[in-house]
Protein backbone atom coordinates (compact mmCIF):
# COMPACT_ATOMS: atom_id res chain seq x y z
CA UNK A 1 49.70 -82.20 -0.95
CA UNK A 2 47.62 -80.11 -2.29
CA UNK A 3 47.29 -76.75 -0.27
CA UNK A 4 44.22 -75.19 -1.12
CA UNK A 5 42.58 -71.29 0.21
CA UNK A 6 39.79 -69.67 -0.42
CA UNK A 7 39.87 -66.13 -0.87
CA UNK A 8 37.25 -63.35 -1.21
CA UNK A 9 36.60 -60.54 -1.80
CA UNK A 10 35.60 -57.62 1.18
CA UNK A 11 35.46 -54.16 0.71
CA UNK A 12 36.89 -52.68 -2.64
CA UNK A 13 40.22 -53.71 -3.52
CA UNK A 14 40.17 -56.03 0.34
CA UNK A 15 40.19 -59.90 0.56
CA UNK A 16 39.66 -61.99 3.53
CA UNK A 17 41.53 -64.65 2.79
CA UNK A 18 40.95 -68.18 5.04
CA UNK A 19 43.78 -71.40 4.75
CA UNK A 20 43.48 -75.04 5.16
CA UNK A 21 44.41 -74.26 9.25
CA UNK A 22 41.49 -72.70 9.41
CA UNK A 23 43.02 -69.22 10.14
CA UNK A 24 42.06 -66.57 8.26
CA UNK A 25 43.87 -63.19 7.70
CA UNK A 26 42.73 -59.71 5.90
CA UNK A 27 44.80 -58.89 2.44
CA UNK A 28 45.06 -55.25 3.04
CA UNK A 29 45.95 -52.50 0.11
CA UNK A 30 48.16 -49.42 0.37
CA UNK A 31 45.41 -46.60 0.41
CA UNK A 32 47.18 -44.54 -2.43
CA UNK A 33 46.13 -47.54 -4.95
CA UNK A 34 42.22 -47.72 -3.58
CA UNK A 35 42.88 -49.30 -0.13
CA UNK A 36 41.79 -48.95 2.96
CA UNK A 37 45.60 -50.51 4.36
CA UNK A 38 43.63 -52.97 6.20
CA UNK A 39 46.42 -55.60 6.51
CA UNK A 40 49.72 -57.30 4.51
CA UNK A 41 49.98 -56.91 1.30
CA UNK A 42 50.21 -59.97 -1.14
CA UNK A 43 54.24 -58.97 -1.58
CA UNK A 44 54.38 -58.52 2.31
CA UNK A 45 52.83 -61.55 2.87
CA UNK A 46 54.93 -63.61 0.47
CA UNK A 47 58.47 -61.91 2.51
CA UNK A 48 56.11 -63.41 5.25
CA UNK A 49 55.84 -66.73 4.12
CA UNK A 50 58.95 -67.01 2.93
CA UNK A 51 60.92 -65.68 6.11
CA UNK A 52 58.33 -68.55 8.59
CA UNK A 53 59.18 -70.98 6.29
CA UNK A 54 63.15 -70.97 6.59
CA UNK A 55 62.32 -69.79 10.48
CA UNK A 56 60.85 -72.86 10.92
CA UNK A 57 63.99 -74.96 8.90
CA UNK A 58 66.78 -73.57 10.94
CA UNK A 59 64.94 -74.07 14.42
CA UNK A 60 64.33 -77.82 13.94
CA UNK A 61 67.65 -78.37 12.47
CA UNK A 62 69.33 -76.89 15.30
CA UNK A 63 67.29 -79.02 17.80
CA UNK A 64 68.28 -81.83 16.17
CA UNK A 65 71.94 -80.69 16.02
CA UNK A 66 71.06 -79.96 19.67
CA UNK A 67 71.67 -77.26 20.16
CA UNK A 68 69.06 -75.05 21.87
CA UNK A 69 67.47 -71.66 20.60
CA UNK A 70 66.94 -69.20 23.28
CA UNK A 71 66.21 -65.86 20.55
CA UNK A 72 65.43 -66.03 16.80
CA UNK A 73 65.37 -63.04 15.14
CA UNK A 74 64.90 -63.14 10.58
CA UNK A 75 66.07 -59.90 8.69
CA UNK A 76 64.17 -59.79 4.39
CA UNK A 77 64.36 -57.44 2.55
CA UNK A 78 63.12 -58.06 -1.27
CA UNK A 79 64.27 -55.71 -4.20
CA UNK A 80 61.23 -55.42 -6.75
CA UNK A 81 61.65 -55.45 -10.34
CA UNK A 82 61.38 -51.89 -12.29
CA UNK A 83 58.68 -53.01 -14.62
CA UNK A 84 55.61 -54.91 -14.22
CA UNK A 85 55.16 -58.27 -12.78
CA UNK A 86 57.84 -56.07 -10.24
CA UNK A 87 58.82 -59.47 -9.20
CA UNK A 88 61.15 -59.68 -6.88
CA UNK A 89 64.66 -60.61 -7.95
CA UNK A 90 66.81 -59.85 -4.75
CA UNK A 91 65.00 -61.01 -1.86
CA UNK A 92 68.40 -60.15 1.52
CA UNK A 93 68.25 -62.10 4.49
CA UNK A 94 69.60 -61.68 7.51
CA UNK A 95 69.94 -64.36 10.81
CA UNK A 96 70.49 -63.33 14.06
CA UNK A 97 70.32 -66.68 16.65
CA UNK A 98 71.29 -66.54 19.91
CA UNK A 99 71.38 -70.03 22.41
CA UNK A 100 73.12 -72.44 23.21
CA UNK A 101 75.56 -75.02 22.06
CA UNK A 102 75.83 -73.51 18.50
CA UNK A 103 79.40 -73.46 16.59
CA UNK A 104 80.27 -71.36 12.79
CA UNK A 105 80.05 -75.45 12.22
CA UNK A 106 76.33 -76.16 12.75
CA UNK A 107 73.85 -72.88 12.70
CA UNK A 108 76.00 -72.80 8.67
CA UNK A 109 74.77 -76.67 8.09
CA UNK A 110 71.64 -75.57 9.51
CA UNK A 111 70.82 -72.67 6.88
CA UNK A 112 72.60 -73.68 4.22
CA UNK A 113 69.87 -76.83 4.34
CA UNK A 114 66.95 -74.60 4.87
CA UNK A 115 68.46 -71.85 1.78
CA UNK A 116 69.66 -75.13 -0.63
CA UNK A 117 66.59 -78.66 0.35
CA UNK A 118 64.08 -78.18 2.23
CA UNK A 119 62.09 -74.60 2.55
CA UNK A 120 59.52 -74.54 -0.09
CA UNK A 121 58.86 -71.10 -0.30
CA UNK A 122 62.49 -70.20 -0.68
CA UNK A 123 62.31 -73.02 -3.44
CA UNK A 124 59.10 -71.50 -5.28
CA UNK A 125 60.80 -68.06 -6.22
CA UNK A 126 62.40 -66.71 -9.00
CA UNK A 127 64.44 -64.51 -6.86
CA UNK A 128 68.45 -64.62 -6.29
CA UNK A 129 68.15 -64.76 -2.55
CA UNK A 130 71.33 -63.82 -0.39
CA UNK A 131 72.28 -64.99 3.61
CA UNK A 132 74.57 -64.48 5.63
CA UNK A 133 73.68 -65.33 9.98
CA UNK A 134 75.12 -64.79 12.65
CA UNK A 135 75.17 -66.01 15.70
CA UNK A 136 75.52 -65.56 20.17
CA UNK A 137 76.05 -68.41 22.92
CA UNK A 138 74.24 -67.36 25.92
């Protein structure tokens, strides 16, 4: 399966990106490096992709376990290397889940399956990924 993206220079160091889904996004850069700050940076988008990928996995897995997710939040933080290419060395994630039918067992299993097996974004990175979770039955 291939993924395709078209990236076009918009103005200076700003880009318009359009993927297979047809949705378009502006990739911006901060003013301190000559950008206009009109969109998320590439490294922010990387964290967005990781969080979105694992979030989708976890909701789908919990629904298959007959749990109902009512609120879901992921706090994500990346620690970058000091030297170029300044990749993410450590990514820390905290999952906060509220719903019905949640248990320690099924939340733990859903998170582990996403992290270790299903989330292609996480498994494409060369970073240590640390995670924790908390849940509440409503």
